[in-house]
PDB file of N, CA and C in Angstrom:
ATOM      1  N   MET A   1       0.849  -1.184   0.000  1.00  0.00           N
ATOM      2  CA  MET A   1       0.000   0.000   0.000  1.00  0.00           C
ATOM      3  C   MET A   1       0.890   1.241   0.000  1.00  0.00           C
ATOM      4  N   SER A   2       0.537   2.215  -0.796  1.00  0.00           N
ATOM      5  CA  SER A   2       1.298   3.460  -0.821  1.00  0.00           C
ATOM      6  C   SER A   2       0.376   4.640  -0.510  1.00  0.00           C
ATOM      7  N   VAL A   3       0.977   5.657   0.043  1.00  0.00           N
ATOM      8  CA  VAL A   3       0.260   6.885   0.377  1.00  0.00           C
ATOM      9  C   VAL A   3       0.993   8.036  -0.289  1.00  0.00           C
ATOM     10  N   THR A   4       0.253   8.878  -0.977  1.00  0.00           N
ATOM     11  CA  THR A   4       0.842  10.034  -1.639  1.00  0.00           C
ATOM     12  C   THR A   4       0.629  11.279  -0.788  1.00  0.00           C
ATOM     13  N   LEU A   5       1.738  11.936  -0.457  1.00  0.00           N
ATOM     14  CA  LEU A   5       1.690  13.164   0.329  1.00  0.00           C
ATOM     15  C   LEU A   5       2.009  14.343  -0.573  1.00  0.00           C
ATOM     16  N   ASN A   6       1.373  15.462  -0.290  1.00  0.00           N
ATOM     17  CA  ASN A   6       1.687  16.708  -0.977  1.00  0.00           C
ATOM     18  C   ASN A   6       1.713  17.797   0.081  1.00  0.00           C
ATOM     19  N   ALA A   7       2.645  18.717  -0.049  1.00  0.00           N
ATOM     20  CA  ALA A   7       2.764  19.779   0.951  1.00  0.00           C
ATOM     21  C   ALA A   7       3.063  21.099   0.266  1.00  0.00           C
ATOM     22  N   VAL A   8       2.538  22.145   0.842  1.00  0.00           N
ATOM     23  CA  VAL A   8       2.825  23.507   0.375  1.00  0.00           C
ATOM     24  C   VAL A   8       3.371  24.291   1.560  1.00  0.00           C
ATOM     25  N   GLY A   9       3.982  25.400   1.264  1.00  0.00           N
ATOM     26  CA  GLY A   9       4.534  26.241   2.321  1.00  0.00           C
ATOM     27  C   GLY A   9       3.469  27.107   2.959  1.00  0.00           C
ATOM     28  N   ASN A  10       3.875  28.247   3.394  1.00  0.00           N
ATOM     29  CA  ASN A  10       2.984  29.175   4.106  1.00  0.00           C
ATOM     30  C   ASN A  10       2.008  29.844   3.147  1.00  0.00           C
ATOM     31  N   PHE A  11       0.787  30.037   3.612  1.00  0.00           N
ATOM     32  CA  PHE A  11      -0.174  30.837   2.867  1.00  0.00           C
ATOM     33  C   PHE A  11      -1.013  31.642   3.849  1.00  0.00           C
ATOM     34  N   ILE A  12      -1.501  32.779   3.378  1.00  0.00           N
ATOM     35  CA  ILE A  12      -2.340  33.662   4.190  1.00  0.00           C
ATOM     36  C   ILE A  12      -3.623  33.906   3.410  1.00  0.00           C
ATOM     37  N   LEU A  13      -4.730  33.470   3.950  1.00  0.00           N
ATOM     38  CA  LEU A  13      -6.005  33.571   3.237  1.00  0.00           C
ATOM     39  C   LEU A  13      -6.690  34.913   3.399  1.00  0.00           C
ATOM     40  N   ASN A  14      -6.299  35.734   4.363  1.00  0.00           N
ATOM     41  CA  ASN A  14      -7.080  36.942   4.642  1.00  0.00           C
ATOM     42  C   ASN A  14      -7.084  37.939   3.496  1.00  0.00           C
ATOM     43  N   ALA A  15      -6.174  37.826   2.552  1.00  0.00           N
ATOM     44  CA  ALA A  15      -6.191  38.701   1.390  1.00  0.00           C
ATOM     45  C   ALA A  15      -7.410  38.434   0.508  1.00  0.00           C
ATOM     46  N   PHE A  16      -8.031  37.276   0.674  1.00  0.00           N
ATOM     47  CA  PHE A  16      -9.162  36.889  -0.160  1.00  0.00           C
ATOM     48  C   PHE A  16     -10.505  37.049   0.562  1.00  0.00           C
ATOM     49  N   ASP A  17     -10.483  37.606   1.757  1.00  0.00           N
ATOM     50  CA  ASP A  17     -11.720  37.771   2.524  1.00  0.00           C
ATOM     51  C   ASP A  17     -12.734  38.685   1.833  1.00  0.00           C
ATOM     52  N   GLN A  18     -12.267  39.671   1.112  1.00  0.00           N
ATOM     53  CA  GLN A  18     -13.170  40.657   0.504  1.00  0.00           C
ATOM     54  C   GLN A  18     -13.506  40.338  -0.952  1.00  0.00           C
ATOM     55  N   THR A  19     -13.030  39.221  -1.467  1.00  0.00           N
ATOM     56  CA  THR A  19     -13.277  38.862  -2.861  1.00  0.00           C
ATOM     57  C   THR A  19     -13.860  37.456  -2.937  1.00  0.00           C
ATOM     58  N   ASP A  20     -14.270  37.095  -4.115  1.00  0.00           N
ATOM     59  CA  ASP A  20     -14.730  35.722  -4.345  1.00  0.00           C
ATOM     60  C   ASP A  20     -13.669  34.917  -5.090  1.00  0.00           C
ATOM     61  N   GLU A  21     -12.446  35.428  -5.127  1.00  0.00           N
ATOM     62  CA  GLU A  21     -11.365  34.723  -5.803  1.00  0.00           C
ATOM     63  C   GLU A  21     -10.921  33.511  -4.990  1.00  0.00           C
ATOM     64  N   ASP A  22     -10.677  32.416  -5.679  1.00  0.00           N
ATOM     65  CA  ASP A  22     -10.165  31.220  -5.033  1.00  0.00           C
ATOM     66  C   ASP A  22      -8.645  31.337  -4.965  1.00  0.00           C
ATOM     67  N   PRO A  23      -8.070  31.382  -3.770  1.00  0.00           N
ATOM     68  CA  PRO A  23      -6.622  31.565  -3.660  1.00  0.00           C
ATOM     69  C   PRO A  23      -5.811  30.383  -4.195  1.00  0.00           C
ATOM     70  N   PHE A  24      -6.442  29.234  -4.389  1.00  0.00           N
ATOM     71  CA  PHE A  24      -5.745  28.058  -4.884  1.00  0.00           C
ATOM     72  C   PHE A  24      -6.083  27.755  -6.347  1.00  0.00           C
ATOM     73  N   GLU A  25      -6.756  28.686  -6.986  1.00  0.00           N
ATOM     74  CA  GLU A  25      -7.238  28.486  -8.357  1.00  0.00           C
ATOM     75  C   GLU A  25      -6.130  28.046  -9.322  1.00  0.00           C
ATOM     76  N   PHE A  26      -4.971  28.665  -9.243  1.00  0.00           N
ATOM     77  CA  PHE A  26      -3.918  28.398 -10.215  1.00  0.00           C
ATOM     78  C   PHE A  26      -3.009  27.230  -9.837  1.00  0.00           C
ATOM     79  N   VAL A  27      -3.185  26.695  -8.656  1.00  0.00           N
ATOM     80  CA  VAL A  27      -2.346  25.560  -8.228  1.00  0.00           C
ATOM     81  C   VAL A  27      -3.176  24.330  -7.879  1.00  0.00           C
ATOM     82  N   TYR A  28      -4.487  24.426  -8.015  1.00  0.00           N
ATOM     83  CA  TYR A  28      -5.366  23.322  -7.633  1.00  0.00           C
ATOM     84  C   TYR A  28      -4.991  22.018  -8.330  1.00  0.00           C
ATOM     85  N   GLU A  29      -4.712  22.070  -9.604  1.00  0.00           N
ATOM     86  CA  GLU A  29      -4.386  20.851 -10.357  1.00  0.00           C
ATOM     87  C   GLU A  29      -3.149  20.162  -9.794  1.00  0.00           C
ATOM     88  N   ASN A  30      -2.225  20.935  -9.234  1.00  0.00           N
ATOM     89  CA  ASN A  30      -1.006  20.361  -8.654  1.00  0.00           C
ATOM     90  C   ASN A  30      -1.234  19.795  -7.259  1.00  0.00           C
ATOM     91  N   LEU A  31      -2.312  20.183  -6.614  1.00  0.00           N
ATOM     92  CA  LEU A  31      -2.549  19.778  -5.229  1.00  0.00           C
ATOM     93  C   LEU A  31      -3.555  18.640  -5.078  1.00  0.00           C
ATOM     94  N   LYS A  32      -4.374  18.413  -6.074  1.00  0.00           N
ATOM     95  CA  LYS A  32      -5.536  17.539  -5.889  1.00  0.00           C
ATOM     96  C   LYS A  32      -5.251  16.037  -5.879  1.00  0.00           C
ATOM     97  N   ASP A  33      -4.213  15.583  -6.544  1.00  0.00           N
ATOM     98  CA  ASP A  33      -3.999  14.145  -6.703  1.00  0.00           C
ATOM     99  C   ASP A  33      -3.086  13.570  -5.631  1.00  0.00           C
ATOM    100  N   CYS A  34      -3.533  13.623  -4.394  1.00  0.00           N
ATOM    101  CA  CYS A  34      -2.749  13.051  -3.297  1.00  0.00           C
ATOM    102  C   CYS A  34      -3.716  12.504  -2.247  1.00  0.00           C
ATOM    103  N   ASP A  35      -3.186  11.677  -1.367  1.00  0.00           N
ATOM    104  CA  ASP A  35      -3.994  11.131  -0.285  1.00  0.00           C
ATOM    105  C   ASP A  35      -4.050  12.085   0.908  1.00  0.00           C
ATOM    106  N   ILE A  36      -2.922  12.759   1.169  1.00  0.00           N
ATOM    107  CA  ILE A  36      -2.838  13.693   2.297  1.00  0.00           C
ATOM    108  C   ILE A  36      -2.198  14.984   1.803  1.00  0.00           C
ATOM    109  N   LEU A  37      -2.843  16.100   2.088  1.00  0.00           N
ATOM    110  CA  LEU A  37      -2.341  17.412   1.683  1.00  0.00           C
ATOM    111  C   LEU A  37      -2.060  18.245   2.920  1.00  0.00           C
ATOM    112  N   PHE A  38      -0.826  18.719   3.038  1.00  0.00           N
ATOM    113  CA  PHE A  38      -0.419  19.558   4.151  1.00  0.00           C
ATOM    114  C   PHE A  38      -0.220  20.988   3.670  1.00  0.00           C
ATOM    115  N   GLY A  39      -0.552  21.944   4.523  1.00  0.00           N
ATOM    116  CA  GLY A  39      -0.265  23.344   4.249  1.00  0.00           C
ATOM    117  C   GLY A  39      -0.200  24.112   5.549  1.00  0.00           C
ATOM    118  N   ASN A  40       0.552  25.177   5.562  1.00  0.00           N
ATOM    119  CA  ASN A  40       0.709  25.983   6.766  1.00  0.00           C
ATOM    120  C   ASN A  40      -0.061  27.290   6.616  1.00  0.00           C
ATOM    121  N   ASN A  41      -1.259  27.322   7.157  1.00  0.00           N
ATOM    122  CA  ASN A  41      -2.062  28.550   7.155  1.00  0.00           C
ATOM    123  C   ASN A  41      -1.494  29.478   8.230  1.00  0.00           C
ATOM    124  N   GLU A  42      -1.034  30.641   7.835  1.00  0.00           N
ATOM    125  CA  GLU A  42      -0.361  31.567   8.748  1.00  0.00           C
ATOM    126  C   GLU A  42      -1.331  32.464   9.533  1.00  0.00           C
ATOM    127  N   THR A  43      -2.616  32.200   9.454  1.00  0.00           N
ATOM    128  CA  THR A  43      -3.588  33.044  10.149  1.00  0.00           C
ATOM    129  C   THR A  43      -4.516  32.206  11.025  1.00  0.00           C
ATOM    130  N   VAL A  44      -5.185  32.891  11.907  1.00  0.00           N
ATOM    131  CA  VAL A  44      -6.259  32.290  12.696  1.00  0.00           C
ATOM    132  C   VAL A  44      -7.535  32.416  11.879  1.00  0.00           C
ATOM    133  N   ILE A  45      -8.333  31.378  11.851  1.00  0.00           N
ATOM    134  CA  ILE A  45      -9.634  31.444  11.170  1.00  0.00           C
ATOM    135  C   ILE A  45     -10.675  31.742  12.231  1.00  0.00           C
ATOM    136  N   SER A  46     -11.221  32.951  12.161  1.00  0.00           N
ATOM    137  CA  SER A  46     -12.162  33.395  13.192  1.00  0.00           C
ATOM    138  C   SER A  46     -12.956  34.588  12.687  1.00  0.00           C
ATOM    139  N   ASP A  47     -14.171  34.715  13.167  1.00  0.00           N
ATOM    140  CA  ASP A  47     -14.978  35.891  12.874  1.00  0.00           C
ATOM    141  C   ASP A  47     -14.967  36.869  14.044  1.00  0.00           C
ATOM    142  N   TYR A  48     -14.214  36.571  15.054  1.00  0.00           N
ATOM    143  CA  TYR A  48     -14.089  37.424  16.235  1.00  0.00           C
ATOM    144  C   TYR A  48     -13.108  38.536  15.907  1.00  0.00           C
ATOM    145  N   ASP A  49     -13.607  39.741  15.710  1.00  0.00           N
ATOM    146  CA  ASP A  49     -12.779  40.848  15.230  1.00  0.00           C
ATOM    147  C   ASP A  49     -12.672  41.952  16.278  1.00  0.00           C
ATOM    148  N   VAL A  50     -11.954  41.676  17.337  1.00  0.00           N
ATOM    149  CA  VAL A  50     -11.727  42.668  18.377  1.00  0.00           C
ATOM    150  C   VAL A  50     -10.229  42.947  18.406  1.00  0.00           C
ATOM    151  N   PRO A  51      -9.834  44.212  18.312  1.00  0.00           N
ATOM    152  CA  PRO A  51      -8.400  44.529  18.299  1.00  0.00           C
ATOM    153  C   PRO A  51      -7.700  44.074  19.582  1.00  0.00           C
ATOM    154  N   PHE A  52      -6.467  43.641  19.416  1.00  0.00           N
ATOM    155  CA  PHE A  52      -5.655  43.244  20.553  1.00  0.00           C
ATOM    156  C   PHE A  52      -4.943  44.469  21.115  1.00  0.00           C
ATOM    157  N   TYR A  53      -4.750  44.477  22.386  1.00  0.00           N
ATOM    158  CA  TYR A  53      -4.067  45.566  23.053  1.00  0.00           C
ATOM    159  C   TYR A  53      -2.654  45.725  22.484  1.00  0.00           C
ATOM    160  N   ARG A  54      -2.327  46.926  22.059  1.00  0.00           N
ATOM    161  CA  ARG A  54      -1.010  47.294  21.521  1.00  0.00           C
ATOM    162  C   ARG A  54      -0.635  46.576  20.226  1.00  0.00           C
ATOM    163  N   LYS A  55      -1.580  46.061  19.523  1.00  0.00           N
ATOM    164  CA  LYS A  55      -1.289  45.424  18.243  1.00  0.00           C
ATOM    165  C   LYS A  55      -1.729  46.352  17.121  1.00  0.00           C
ATOM    166  N   VAL A  56      -0.832  46.625  16.200  1.00  0.00           N
ATOM    167  CA  VAL A  56      -1.170  47.462  15.059  1.00  0.00           C
ATOM    168  C   VAL A  56      -2.009  46.670  14.064  1.00  0.00           C
ATOM    169  N   TYR A  57      -1.675  45.409  13.913  1.00  0.00           N
ATOM    170  CA  TYR A  57      -2.353  44.568  12.934  1.00  0.00           C
ATOM    171  C   TYR A  57      -2.485  43.163  13.506  1.00  0.00           C
ATOM    172  N   SER A  58      -3.647  42.592  13.396  1.00  0.00           N
ATOM    173  CA  SER A  58      -3.820  41.201  13.807  1.00  0.00           C
ATOM    174  C   SER A  58      -4.148  40.386  12.561  1.00  0.00           C
ATOM    175  N   VAL A  59      -3.466  39.286  12.401  1.00  0.00           N
ATOM    176  CA  VAL A  59      -3.643  38.439  11.223  1.00  0.00           C
ATOM    177  C   VAL A  59      -4.785  37.481  11.508  1.00  0.00           C
ATOM    178  N   ARG A  60      -5.883  37.700  10.801  1.00  0.00           N
ATOM    179  CA  ARG A  60      -7.087  36.904  11.012  1.00  0.00           C
ATOM    180  C   ARG A  60      -7.768  36.690   9.671  1.00  0.00           C
ATOM    181  N   THR A  61      -8.301  35.526   9.476  1.00  0.00           N
ATOM    182  CA  THR A  61      -9.054  35.187   8.274  1.00  0.00           C
ATOM    183  C   THR A  61     -10.473  34.842   8.682  1.00  0.00           C
ATOM    184  N   SER A  62     -11.444  35.357   7.952  1.00  0.00           N
ATOM    185  CA  SER A  62     -12.836  35.047   8.297  1.00  0.00           C
ATOM    186  C   SER A  62     -13.137  33.577   8.020  1.00  0.00           C
ATOM    187  N   SER A  63     -14.121  33.056   8.702  1.00  0.00           N
ATOM    188  CA  SER A  63     -14.484  31.647   8.532  1.00  0.00           C
ATOM    189  C   SER A  63     -14.998  31.349   7.123  1.00  0.00           C
ATOM    190  N   ALA A  64     -15.455  32.368   6.410  1.00  0.00           N
ATOM    191  CA  ALA A  64     -15.921  32.166   5.035  1.00  0.00           C
ATOM    192  C   ALA A  64     -14.794  31.676   4.132  1.00  0.00           C
ATOM    193  N   SER A  65     -13.568  32.053   4.434  1.00  0.00           N
ATOM    194  CA  SER A  65     -12.424  31.628   3.616  1.00  0.00           C
ATOM    195  C   SER A  65     -12.050  30.170   3.837  1.00  0.00           C
ATOM    196  N   ALA A  66     -12.545  29.563   4.879  1.00  0.00           N
ATOM    197  CA  ALA A  66     -12.228  28.155   5.155  1.00  0.00           C
ATOM    198  C   ALA A  66     -12.756  27.241   4.051  1.00  0.00           C
ATOM    199  N   LYS A  67     -13.752  27.688   3.310  1.00  0.00           N
ATOM    200  CA  LYS A  67     -14.296  26.859   2.228  1.00  0.00           C
ATOM    201  C   LYS A  67     -13.231  26.550   1.183  1.00  0.00           C
ATOM    202  N   TYR A  68     -12.287  27.481   0.976  1.00  0.00           N
ATOM    203  CA  TYR A  68     -11.227  27.241   0.005  1.00  0.00           C
ATOM    204  C   TYR A  68     -10.302  26.118   0.456  1.00  0.00           C
ATOM    205  N   LEU A  69     -10.075  26.026   1.747  1.00  0.00           N
ATOM    206  CA  LEU A  69      -9.263  24.930   2.280  1.00  0.00           C
ATOM    207  C   LEU A  69      -9.952  23.592   2.033  1.00  0.00           C
ATOM    208  N   ALA A  70     -11.247  23.547   2.336  1.00  0.00           N
ATOM    209  CA  ALA A  70     -12.006  22.308   2.165  1.00  0.00           C
ATOM    210  C   ALA A  70     -12.107  21.907   0.695  1.00  0.00           C
ATOM    211  N   GLU A  71     -12.388  22.865  -0.173  1.00  0.00           N
ATOM    212  CA  GLU A  71     -12.523  22.571  -1.601  1.00  0.00           C
ATOM    213  C   GLU A  71     -11.223  22.082  -2.215  1.00  0.00           C
ATOM    214  N   THR A  72     -10.100  22.538  -1.683  1.00  0.00           N
ATOM    215  CA  THR A  72      -8.803  22.148  -2.219  1.00  0.00           C
ATOM    216  C   THR A  72      -8.348  20.817  -1.655  1.00  0.00           C
ATOM    217  N   GLY A  73      -8.880  20.430  -0.506  1.00  0.00           N
ATOM    218  CA  GLY A  73      -8.566  19.135   0.075  1.00  0.00           C
ATOM    219  C   GLY A  73      -7.682  19.171   1.297  1.00  0.00           C
ATOM    220  N   PHE A  74      -7.525  20.339   1.891  1.00  0.00           N
ATOM    221  CA  PHE A  74      -6.739  20.433   3.129  1.00  0.00           C
ATOM    222  C   PHE A  74      -7.514  19.841   4.276  1.00  0.00           C
TER     223      PHE A  74
END
């Protein structure tokens, strides 16, 4: 029995929160044919949008963007 693994580096989904663009659109064909797909999402997936004390920017992705992870096979 063999298992095919595929892995990608870091990605940040929050750039796609305001659009309907699929962030994996151009690489989907390279990611789909595996048994296990790994990726490092560099953000928290949450709809809780309260600023942190002394933080200029908080890296957060809305839960709506999680659909792209599921559709791609993460």
